[in-house]
Amino acid sequence: MDHRAVLLTLCTLLCVTFAADQMIGGKAGSILYIIMIYPNCVIIKLCLFTSVNTCLFKDGHSHELSGAKLSLLGETSNGTNTADLTYGFISCAVAVVFYGSNFVPVKKIDTGDGMFFQWVLCAAIWIVSLVTNLILNCPRFWPLAMLGGAIWATGNITVVPIVKTIGLGLGLLIWASFNLLMGWASSRFGWFGINAESVGKPVLNYIGAGLCLLSAIVFFFVKSDVRTAEETPLLIAAETPLLSITRRDTSTHTVNSEDAASDDSWVDRLRPSTKRLVGFSMAVFAGLLYGSSFIPVLYMKSHADDPDSHFHGASQFDLDYVFAQFSGILLTSTVYFLIYCAAMKNKPKVFFKAILPGFASGTMWGVATCCFFLANNYLSPVVSFPIVTTVPGLIAAVWGVVVFKEVKGLRNFLVLGFAFCLVLTGALLTGFSKV
């Protein structure tokens, strides 16, 4: 690996972790500091380990790995072994922690209508992919993978309205459920031209997917107090009397405007009942798009052995497509932001206090998705999707319940607990149907 990539990686880690610690502070900042350092080191180790052990394709012919490399990688003729499972589940663990926590730095910062925030988020995501690409010695760039990034970015523009309408924990649980269903179904049945994944226990597979769908319906009956959550500090430390930043405290700048615009977005003007319906609908929409974002990569991998295919010789190592997919995310996000600027007559709402939190959030998401790619590579999507798309919802719900106080009342806790049981049972059944 190039020493410049190592230096760039270390600088990125230091900047992001320092920024996260400074903007959150207290115990919560220390927790996030630890969460962000250790998993980043894990993914760097995994990238270094796998970048020298993947099959390289040239002129349409795959080169055989040497016996030493096969031994190092842990590949056997019988398929996935203990080493693959270990790396796969480590990747899953890092991914679920980051996916479940990546919006925590943003929760106490007003992001307005979310358009400026999502652009900052996507810029940070692209930087993560750049570092990963350097670590992997710049594998071939496949433009089709950018389509997956465009699909994800389209769903991502709904995140801020979702968090403002139904809360962080509930929103993530809903879109994660539909993310699972789309990712599972497309891989299980071979939708959109990808190879269908066979499972040894199809009954368990179907029951697990059905329970995940049922859990999304149950989540709708959980009522969250989002306004109280927005005005609740992330964590009150002994040395800091107040860490919360309400809407009125957030500095807003409207470009090329003499008067400061109101911080309230269109979401803030909705009635409570309408907020829940809009938030739930957007979460479903986002989940379906998120679950579709891996399809272009799976399509190329499925047609890599076809000599008549344009994708003949495409890499079978999922992480080789990260830079292309994340480039699609940044490009699409930039297009949406420019459209937004035009619609606002070149007077977009720019929230300066959302820049560092947005960058930290994007970095965490980028690392999580890199680990998701690794989990798909080592475990297959049929196993990784149930784990990576549902467990983060539980982590986010813990933040939402314990720290942000979004869910209150015995009835809501009972409904939420029932939904948790459905999610965990569905994820386990779907995963065990493969192994």
Protein backbone atom coordinates (compact mmCIF):
# COMPACT_ATOMS: atom_id res chain seq x y z
CA MET A 1 0.00 0.00 0.00
CA ASP A 2 1.17 3.56 -0.81
CA HIS A 3 2.49 5.51 2.20
CA ARG A 4 0.47 8.50 1.01
CA ALA A 5 -2.72 6.50 1.51
CA VAL A 6 -1.68 5.64 5.06
CA LEU A 7 -0.93 9.29 5.83
CA LEU A 8 -4.22 10.44 4.31
CA THR A 9 -6.12 7.82 6.29
CA LEU A 10 -4.52 8.82 9.59
CA CYS A 11 -5.12 12.52 8.95
CA THR A 12 -8.76 11.86 8.11
CA LEU A 13 -9.25 9.81 11.28
CA LEU A 14 -7.63 12.45 13.48
CA CYS A 15 -9.64 15.31 11.99
CA VAL A 16 -12.97 13.52 12.17
CA THR A 17 -12.55 12.17 15.68
CA PHE A 18 -11.31 15.51 17.01
CA ALA A 19 -14.24 17.32 15.37
CA ALA A 20 -16.75 14.86 16.78
CA ASP A 21 -15.29 15.14 20.27
CA GLN A 22 -15.28 18.95 20.18
CA MET A 23 -18.81 19.46 18.87
CA ILE A 24 -20.44 16.95 21.22
CA GLY A 25 -18.20 17.09 24.28
CA GLY A 26 -18.68 15.38 27.60
CA LYS A 27 -19.25 11.65 27.96
CA ALA A 28 -21.16 11.36 24.71
CA GLY A 29 -18.24 12.87 22.83
CA SER A 30 -15.86 10.40 24.44
CA ILE A 31 -18.13 7.50 23.52
CA LEU A 32 -18.31 8.59 19.89
CA TYR A 33 -14.55 9.17 19.89
CA ILE A 34 -13.98 5.53 20.82
CA ILE A 35 -16.68 4.33 18.43
CA MET A 36 -15.08 6.17 15.51
CA ILE A 37 -11.42 5.27 16.12
CA TYR A 38 -11.56 1.51 16.67
CA PRO A 39 -13.82 0.49 13.75
CA ASN A 40 -11.81 2.69 11.37
CA CYS A 41 -8.69 0.80 12.37
CA VAL A 42 -10.56 -2.46 11.77
CA ILE A 43 -11.61 -1.52 8.24
CA ILE A 44 -8.08 -0.35 7.38
CA LYS A 45 -6.76 -3.72 8.54
CA LEU A 46 -9.40 -5.55 6.53
CA CYS A 47 -8.64 -3.47 3.43
CA LEU A 48 -4.92 -4.11 3.75
CA PHE A 49 -5.56 -7.81 4.28
CA THR A 50 -7.90 -8.25 1.35
CA SER A 51 -6.37 -5.86 -1.18
CA VAL A 52 -3.42 -8.19 -1.76
CA ASN A 53 -5.49 -11.35 -1.82
CA THR A 54 -8.25 -10.73 -4.34
CA CYS A 55 -8.27 -12.23 -7.84
CA LEU A 56 -7.16 -9.80 -10.52
CA PHE A 57 -8.82 -9.91 -13.94
CA LYS A 58 -7.00 -9.04 -17.12
CA ASP A 59 -8.02 -9.48 -20.75
CA GLY A 60 -11.13 -11.34 -19.65
CA HIS A 61 -9.23 -14.11 -17.85
CA SER A 62 -9.01 -14.54 -14.11
CA HIS A 63 -5.59 -15.23 -12.66
CA GLU A 64 -5.21 -18.09 -10.21
CA LEU A 65 -4.20 -17.20 -6.70
CA SER A 66 -1.01 -18.79 -5.50
CA GLY A 67 -1.10 -21.42 -2.80
CA ALA A 68 0.45 -19.00 -0.32
CA LYS A 69 -2.23 -16.39 -1.03
CA LEU A 70 -4.99 -18.96 -0.78
CA SER A 71 -3.62 -20.02 2.56
CA LEU A 72 -3.40 -16.41 3.78
CA LEU A 73 -6.88 -15.56 2.58
CA GLY A 74 -8.30 -18.71 4.09
CA GLU A 75 -10.11 -19.86 0.92
CA THR A 76 -10.95 -23.53 0.54
CA SER A 77 -12.62 -25.54 -2.16
CA ASN A 78 -15.61 -26.00 0.12
CA GLY A 79 -16.41 -22.28 0.18
CA THR A 80 -16.67 -20.04 3.21
CA ASN A 81 -14.62 -21.17 6.20
CA THR A 82 -14.07 -19.95 9.73
CA ALA A 83 -11.80 -17.09 8.66
CA ASP A 84 -14.38 -15.78 6.20
CA LEU A 85 -17.11 -15.95 8.84
CA THR A 86 -14.90 -14.13 11.33
CA TYR A 87 -14.10 -11.27 8.96
CA GLY A 88 -17.70 -11.19 7.79
CA PHE A 89 -19.18 -10.87 11.26
CA ILE A 90 -16.53 -8.35 12.34
CA SER A 91 -17.52 -6.26 9.32
CA CYS A 92 -21.18 -6.62 10.30
CA ALA A 93 -20.42 -5.52 13.87
CA VAL A 94 -18.59 -2.38 12.73
CA ALA A 95 -21.31 -1.59 10.19
CA VAL A 96 -24.21 -1.86 12.64
CA VAL A 97 -22.50 0.32 15.26
CA PHE A 98 -21.75 3.06 12.75
CA TYR A 99 -25.11 2.86 10.97
CA GLY A 100 -26.92 3.08 14.30
CA SER A 101 -24.87 6.03 15.56
CA ASN A 102 -23.96 8.08 12.50
CA PHE A 103 -26.78 10.60 12.94
CA VAL A 104 -26.03 11.22 16.62
CA PRO A 105 -23.62 14.14 15.91
CA VAL A 106 -26.38 15.84 13.91
CA LYS A 107 -29.28 15.29 16.28
CA LYS A 108 -28.68 18.41 18.38
CA ILE A 109 -27.80 20.58 15.37
CA ASP A 110 -30.50 22.18 13.24
CA THR A 111 -30.04 21.20 9.59
CA GLY A 112 -32.91 23.22 8.15
CA ASP A 113 -34.49 21.58 5.11
CA GLY A 114 -31.60 19.13 4.88
CA MET A 115 -30.35 19.95 1.39
CA PHE A 116 -27.12 21.62 2.46
CA PHE A 117 -26.56 18.99 5.13
CA GLN A 118 -26.97 16.08 2.71
CA TRP A 119 -24.39 17.62 0.38
CA VAL A 120 -21.84 17.92 3.21
CA LEU A 121 -22.67 14.35 4.26
CA CYS A 122 -22.08 13.02 0.75
CA ALA A 123 -18.82 14.93 0.39
CA ALA A 124 -17.52 13.20 3.53
CA ILE A 125 -18.74 9.85 2.20
CA TRP A 126 -16.76 10.37 -1.01
CA ILE A 127 -13.59 11.17 0.95
CA VAL A 128 -13.92 7.83 2.75
CA SER A 129 -14.17 6.08 -0.62
CA LEU A 130 -11.10 7.95 -1.87
CA VAL A 131 -9.07 6.70 1.08
CA THR A 132 -10.40 3.17 0.55
CA ASN A 133 -9.56 3.34 -3.15
CA LEU A 134 -5.97 4.32 -2.36
CA ILE A 135 -5.70 1.48 0.14
CA LEU A 136 -6.87 -0.95 -2.55
CA ASN A 137 -4.35 0.45 -5.06
CA CYS A 138 -7.04 2.01 -7.26
CA PRO A 139 -8.95 -0.93 -8.80
CA ARG A 140 -10.78 -0.54 -12.11
CA PHE A 141 -13.57 2.04 -12.10
CA TRP A 142 -16.93 0.62 -13.25
CA PRO A 143 -19.37 3.45 -14.13
CA LEU A 144 -22.47 1.29 -13.60
CA ALA A 145 -21.71 1.21 -9.88
CA MET A 146 -22.39 4.96 -9.86
CA LEU A 147 -26.06 4.13 -10.49
CA GLY A 148 -26.20 2.49 -7.07
CA GLY A 149 -24.84 5.68 -5.56
CA ALA A 150 -27.44 7.75 -7.40
CA ILE A 151 -30.21 5.50 -6.07
CA TRP A 152 -28.93 5.84 -2.52
CA ALA A 153 -28.51 9.62 -2.76
CA THR A 154 -32.11 9.95 -3.94
CA GLY A 155 -33.30 8.20 -0.81
CA ASN A 156 -30.89 10.15 1.36
CA ILE A 157 -32.49 13.53 0.67
CA THR A 158 -35.46 12.36 2.75
CA VAL A 159 -33.44 11.61 5.89
CA VAL A 160 -33.62 15.03 7.54
CA PRO A 161 -37.41 15.36 7.04
CA ILE A 162 -37.82 11.82 8.39
CA VAL A 163 -35.83 12.62 11.55
CA LYS A 164 -37.82 15.85 12.02
CA THR A 165 -41.20 14.14 11.57
CA ILE A 166 -40.98 10.76 13.34
CA GLY A 167 -37.60 10.84 15.07
CA LEU A 168 -34.23 9.19 14.63
CA GLY A 169 -34.92 5.79 16.18
CA LEU A 170 -38.35 5.18 14.65
CA GLY A 171 -37.33 6.48 11.24
CA LEU A 172 -34.25 4.29 11.05
CA LEU A 173 -36.20 1.22 12.14
CA ILE A 174 -38.79 1.71 9.39
CA TRP A 175 -36.40 2.38 6.52
CA ALA A 176 -34.11 -0.42 7.71
CA SER A 177 -36.99 -2.90 7.53
CA PHE A 178 -37.81 -2.03 3.93
CA ASN A 179 -34.11 -1.86 3.13
CA LEU A 180 -33.87 -5.46 4.32
CA LEU A 181 -36.89 -6.58 2.31
CA MET A 182 -35.66 -5.06 -0.95
CA GLY A 183 -32.08 -6.27 -0.50
CA TRP A 184 -33.22 -9.73 0.56
CA ALA A 185 -35.83 -10.18 -2.18
CA SER A 186 -33.59 -8.97 -5.01
CA SER A 187 -30.83 -11.36 -3.93
CA ARG A 188 -33.13 -14.25 -3.07
CA PHE A 189 -35.17 -14.24 -6.29
CA GLY A 190 -32.60 -12.81 -8.67
CA TRP A 191 -34.41 -9.60 -9.56
CA PHE A 192 -32.99 -7.11 -12.06
CA GLY A 193 -30.73 -9.64 -13.74
CA ILE A 194 -28.62 -10.68 -10.76
CA ASN A 195 -27.96 -14.27 -9.73
CA ALA A 196 -30.51 -15.69 -7.31
CA GLU A 197 -29.09 -16.76 -3.96
CA SER A 198 -30.04 -20.27 -2.91
CA VAL A 199 -30.87 -20.99 0.72
CA GLY A 200 -30.82 -24.31 2.49
CA LYS A 201 -33.94 -23.57 4.52
CA PRO A 202 -36.36 -21.53 2.40
CA VAL A 203 -39.18 -21.75 4.95
CA LEU A 204 -37.08 -19.98 7.58
CA ASN A 205 -36.07 -17.45 4.97
CA TYR A 206 -39.65 -16.55 4.06
CA ILE A 207 -40.84 -16.43 7.67
CA GLY A 208 -37.94 -14.16 8.63
CA ALA A 209 -38.65 -11.74 5.80
CA GLY A 210 -42.34 -11.71 6.69
CA LEU A 211 -41.60 -10.88 10.32
CA CYS A 212 -39.41 -7.97 9.26
CA LEU A 213 -42.26 -6.63 7.14
CA LEU A 214 -44.65 -7.03 10.07
CA SER A 215 -42.25 -5.15 12.33
CA ALA A 216 -42.37 -2.14 10.00
CA ILE A 217 -46.15 -2.06 10.37
CA VAL A 218 -45.86 -2.28 14.16
CA PHE A 219 -43.36 0.60 14.22
CA PHE A 220 -46.02 2.87 12.77
CA PHE A 221 -47.99 2.65 16.03
CA VAL A 222 -45.10 3.99 18.11
CA LYS A 223 -45.69 7.67 18.84
CA SER A 224 -42.51 9.71 19.25
CA ASP A 225 -42.13 13.14 20.84
CA VAL A 226 -39.69 14.61 18.32
CA ARG A 227 -39.88 18.27 19.41
CA THR A 228 -38.89 17.38 22.95
CA ALA A 229 -36.07 15.26 21.58
CA GLU A 230 -34.71 18.15 19.52
CA GLU A 231 -34.58 20.37 22.59
CA THR A 232 -33.02 17.71 24.81
CA PRO A 233 -29.23 17.81 25.20
CA LEU A 234 -27.32 14.88 23.80
CA LEU A 235 -25.80 14.24 27.19
CA ILE A 236 -25.35 16.66 30.07
CA ALA A 237 -21.86 16.28 31.49
CA ALA A 238 -20.77 17.53 34.89
CA GLU A 239 -18.45 20.14 33.41
CA THR A 240 -20.99 21.39 30.83
CA PRO A 241 -24.28 22.86 32.11
CA LEU A 242 -26.05 22.68 28.76
CA LEU A 243 -25.04 21.06 25.48
CA SER A 244 -28.29 21.28 23.58
CA ILE A 245 -28.73 23.62 20.64
CA THR A 246 -32.32 24.46 19.84
CA ARG A 247 -33.55 25.89 16.57
CA ARG A 248 -33.28 29.46 17.85
CA ASP A 249 -29.64 28.95 18.79
CA THR A 250 -28.61 27.72 15.35
CA SER A 251 -26.91 30.22 13.08
CA THR A 252 -28.35 30.32 9.60
CA HIS A 253 -27.05 32.16 6.60
CA THR A 254 -29.02 32.71 3.45
CA VAL A 255 -26.67 33.27 0.55
CA ASN A 256 -27.07 36.61 -1.26
CA SER A 257 -29.88 37.69 1.04
CA GLU A 258 -29.96 40.85 3.12
CA ASP A 259 -32.36 39.43 5.66
CA ALA A 260 -31.88 36.19 7.50
CA ALA A 261 -34.50 33.65 6.58
CA SER A 262 -36.51 31.77 9.08
CA ASP A 263 -34.90 28.59 10.37
CA ASP A 264 -38.18 26.70 10.12
CA SER A 265 -38.44 24.34 7.17
CA TRP A 266 -41.62 23.04 5.52
CA VAL A 267 -41.54 20.07 7.90
CA ASP A 268 -41.86 22.31 10.95
CA ARG A 269 -45.10 23.77 9.62
CA LEU A 270 -46.90 20.41 9.35
CA ARG A 271 -49.54 19.27 11.83
CA PRO A 272 -48.49 16.44 14.19
CA SER A 273 -50.79 13.87 12.54
CA THR A 274 -49.57 14.84 9.08
CA LYS A 275 -45.97 14.67 10.25
CA ARG A 276 -46.32 11.01 11.21
CA LEU A 277 -47.90 10.06 7.89
CA VAL A 278 -45.35 11.99 5.83
CA GLY A 279 -42.44 10.67 7.88
CA PHE A 280 -43.60 7.06 7.65
CA SER A 281 -44.14 7.31 3.87
CA MET A 282 -40.73 8.86 3.28
CA ALA A 283 -39.06 6.23 5.47
CA VAL A 284 -40.64 3.46 3.37
CA PHE A 285 -39.52 5.19 0.16
CA ALA A 286 -35.98 5.65 1.47
CA GLY A 287 -35.76 2.03 2.60
CA LEU A 288 -36.73 0.69 -0.82
CA LEU A 289 -34.08 2.85 -2.48
CA TYR A 290 -31.42 1.93 0.06
CA GLY A 291 -32.11 -1.76 -0.54
CA SER A 292 -31.71 -1.26 -4.28
CA SER A 293 -28.36 0.53 -4.11
CA PHE A 294 -26.31 -2.69 -4.20
CA ILE A 295 -28.10 -4.10 -7.26
CA PRO A 296 -25.74 -2.58 -9.90
CA VAL A 297 -22.70 -4.09 -8.17
CA LEU A 298 -24.38 -7.49 -7.82
CA TYR A 299 -25.40 -7.30 -11.48
CA MET A 300 -21.81 -6.77 -12.62
CA LYS A 301 -20.56 -9.59 -10.41
CA SER A 302 -23.28 -11.89 -11.77
CA HIS A 303 -22.20 -11.24 -15.38
CA ALA A 304 -18.44 -11.28 -14.80
CA ASP A 305 -18.11 -14.83 -16.19
CA ASP A 306 -20.18 -14.17 -19.31
CA PRO A 307 -17.78 -13.67 -22.25
CA ASP A 308 -20.46 -11.77 -24.18
CA SER A 309 -21.18 -9.36 -21.34
CA HIS A 310 -19.76 -5.86 -21.16
CA PHE A 311 -18.86 -6.66 -17.55
CA HIS A 312 -16.84 -9.78 -18.36
CA GLY A 313 -13.90 -9.93 -15.98
CA ALA A 314 -15.43 -7.64 -13.37
CA SER A 315 -13.99 -8.03 -9.90
CA GLN A 316 -15.67 -10.41 -7.47
CA PHE A 317 -14.41 -8.41 -4.49
CA ASP A 318 -17.21 -6.06 -3.46
CA LEU A 319 -15.00 -3.35 -1.98
CA ASP A 320 -13.47 -2.69 -5.41
CA TYR A 321 -16.72 -0.94 -6.37
CA VAL A 322 -16.86 1.43 -3.39
CA PHE A 323 -15.15 4.38 -5.06
CA ALA A 324 -17.41 4.23 -8.12
CA GLN A 325 -20.58 3.91 -6.05
CA PHE A 326 -19.63 6.70 -3.66
CA SER A 327 -18.69 8.90 -6.63
CA GLY A 328 -22.24 8.39 -7.84
CA ILE A 329 -23.47 9.49 -4.43
CA LEU A 330 -21.48 12.73 -4.52
CA LEU A 331 -22.41 13.50 -8.14
CA THR A 332 -26.14 12.94 -7.58
CA SER A 333 -26.09 14.88 -4.32
CA THR A 334 -24.40 17.79 -6.07
CA VAL A 335 -27.02 17.77 -8.83
CA TYR A 336 -29.84 17.82 -6.27
CA PHE A 337 -28.18 20.64 -4.37
CA LEU A 338 -27.78 22.72 -7.54
CA ILE A 339 -31.45 22.14 -8.39
CA TYR A 340 -32.32 23.23 -4.87
CA CYS A 341 -30.20 26.39 -5.25
CA ALA A 342 -31.97 27.19 -8.51
CA ALA A 343 -35.38 26.62 -6.93
CA MET A 344 -34.38 28.95 -4.08
CA LYS A 345 -33.31 31.60 -6.63
CA ASN A 346 -29.68 31.20 -5.61
CA LYS A 347 -30.51 31.88 -1.96
CA PRO A 348 -30.02 28.47 -0.33
CA LYS A 349 -30.18 28.06 3.43
CA VAL A 350 -26.67 27.28 4.57
CA PHE A 351 -26.33 26.11 8.18
CA PHE A 352 -22.70 26.58 9.15
CA LYS A 353 -23.05 24.65 12.41
CA ALA A 354 -24.10 21.58 10.42
CA ILE A 355 -20.80 21.33 8.52
CA LEU A 356 -18.60 19.51 11.04
CA PRO A 357 -21.42 17.29 12.38
CA GLY A 358 -22.41 16.49 8.80
CA PHE A 359 -18.83 15.59 7.92
CA ALA A 360 -18.55 13.34 10.97
CA SER A 361 -21.88 11.69 10.15
CA GLY A 362 -20.85 11.10 6.54
CA THR A 363 -17.52 9.63 7.56
CA MET A 364 -19.21 7.19 9.91
CA TRP A 365 -21.70 6.21 7.22
CA GLY A 366 -18.93 5.72 4.66
CA VAL A 367 -16.98 3.42 6.96
CA ALA A 368 -20.15 1.48 7.77
CA THR A 369 -20.93 0.96 4.10
CA CYS A 370 -17.39 -0.18 3.36
CA CYS A 371 -17.87 -2.78 6.06
CA PHE A 372 -21.25 -3.66 4.53
CA PHE A 373 -19.45 -4.36 1.24
CA LEU A 374 -16.99 -6.59 3.08
CA ALA A 375 -19.83 -8.41 4.83
CA ASN A 376 -21.51 -9.04 1.47
CA ASN A 377 -18.24 -10.40 0.16
CA TYR A 378 -17.59 -12.79 3.04
CA LEU A 379 -21.14 -13.79 4.04
CA SER A 380 -23.26 -13.10 0.90
CA PRO A 381 -26.13 -10.55 0.85
CA VAL A 382 -28.71 -13.11 1.99
CA VAL A 383 -26.89 -13.37 5.33
CA SER A 384 -25.50 -9.85 5.71
CA PHE A 385 -28.63 -7.88 4.79
CA PRO A 386 -30.77 -9.17 7.70
CA ILE A 387 -28.02 -8.32 10.17
CA VAL A 388 -26.74 -4.99 8.86
CA THR A 389 -30.14 -3.51 8.01
CA THR A 390 -31.98 -4.33 11.24
CA VAL A 391 -29.55 -4.26 14.16
CA PRO A 392 -28.64 -0.56 13.60
CA GLY A 393 -32.28 0.24 14.26
CA LEU A 394 -31.94 -1.21 17.73
CA ILE A 395 -28.84 0.89 18.39
CA ALA A 396 -30.53 4.03 17.07
CA ALA A 397 -33.59 3.28 19.17
CA VAL A 398 -31.41 3.07 22.28
CA TRP A 399 -30.06 6.54 21.47
CA GLY A 400 -33.60 7.75 20.81
CA VAL A 401 -35.10 6.30 23.98
CA VAL A 402 -32.30 6.73 26.52
CA VAL A 403 -30.68 9.98 25.36
CA PHE A 404 -33.13 11.89 23.16
CA LYS A 405 -36.32 10.84 25.02
CA GLU A 406 -38.25 10.44 21.76
CA VAL A 407 -40.44 7.60 23.03
CA LYS A 408 -42.41 7.93 26.25
CA GLY A 409 -45.19 6.03 27.98
CA LEU A 410 -45.69 2.38 28.89
CA ARG A 411 -47.81 1.64 25.81
CA ASN A 412 -45.16 2.95 23.43
CA PHE A 413 -42.43 0.99 25.18
CA LEU A 414 -44.47 -2.21 24.93
CA VAL A 415 -45.15 -1.67 21.23
CA LEU A 416 -41.50 -0.82 20.61
CA GLY A 417 -40.38 -3.90 22.53
CA PHE A 418 -42.70 -6.09 20.47
CA ALA A 419 -41.30 -4.56 17.29
CA PHE A 420 -37.76 -5.25 18.50
CA CYS A 421 -38.62 -8.90 19.02
CA LEU A 422 -40.04 -9.13 15.51
CA VAL A 423 -36.95 -7.51 14.00
CA LEU A 424 -34.49 -9.72 15.85
CA THR A 425 -36.46 -12.89 15.19
CA GLY A 426 -36.87 -12.05 11.52
CA ALA A 427 -33.20 -11.20 11.10
CA LEU A 428 -32.03 -14.38 12.83
CA LEU A 429 -34.39 -16.63 10.87
CA THR A 430 -33.38 -15.04 7.58
CA GLY A 431 -29.70 -15.35 8.41
CA PHE A 432 -29.88 -18.94 9.70
CA SER A 433 -31.74 -20.03 6.58
CA LYS A 434 -28.47 -19.64 4.67
CA VAL A 435 -26.07 -21.33 7.07
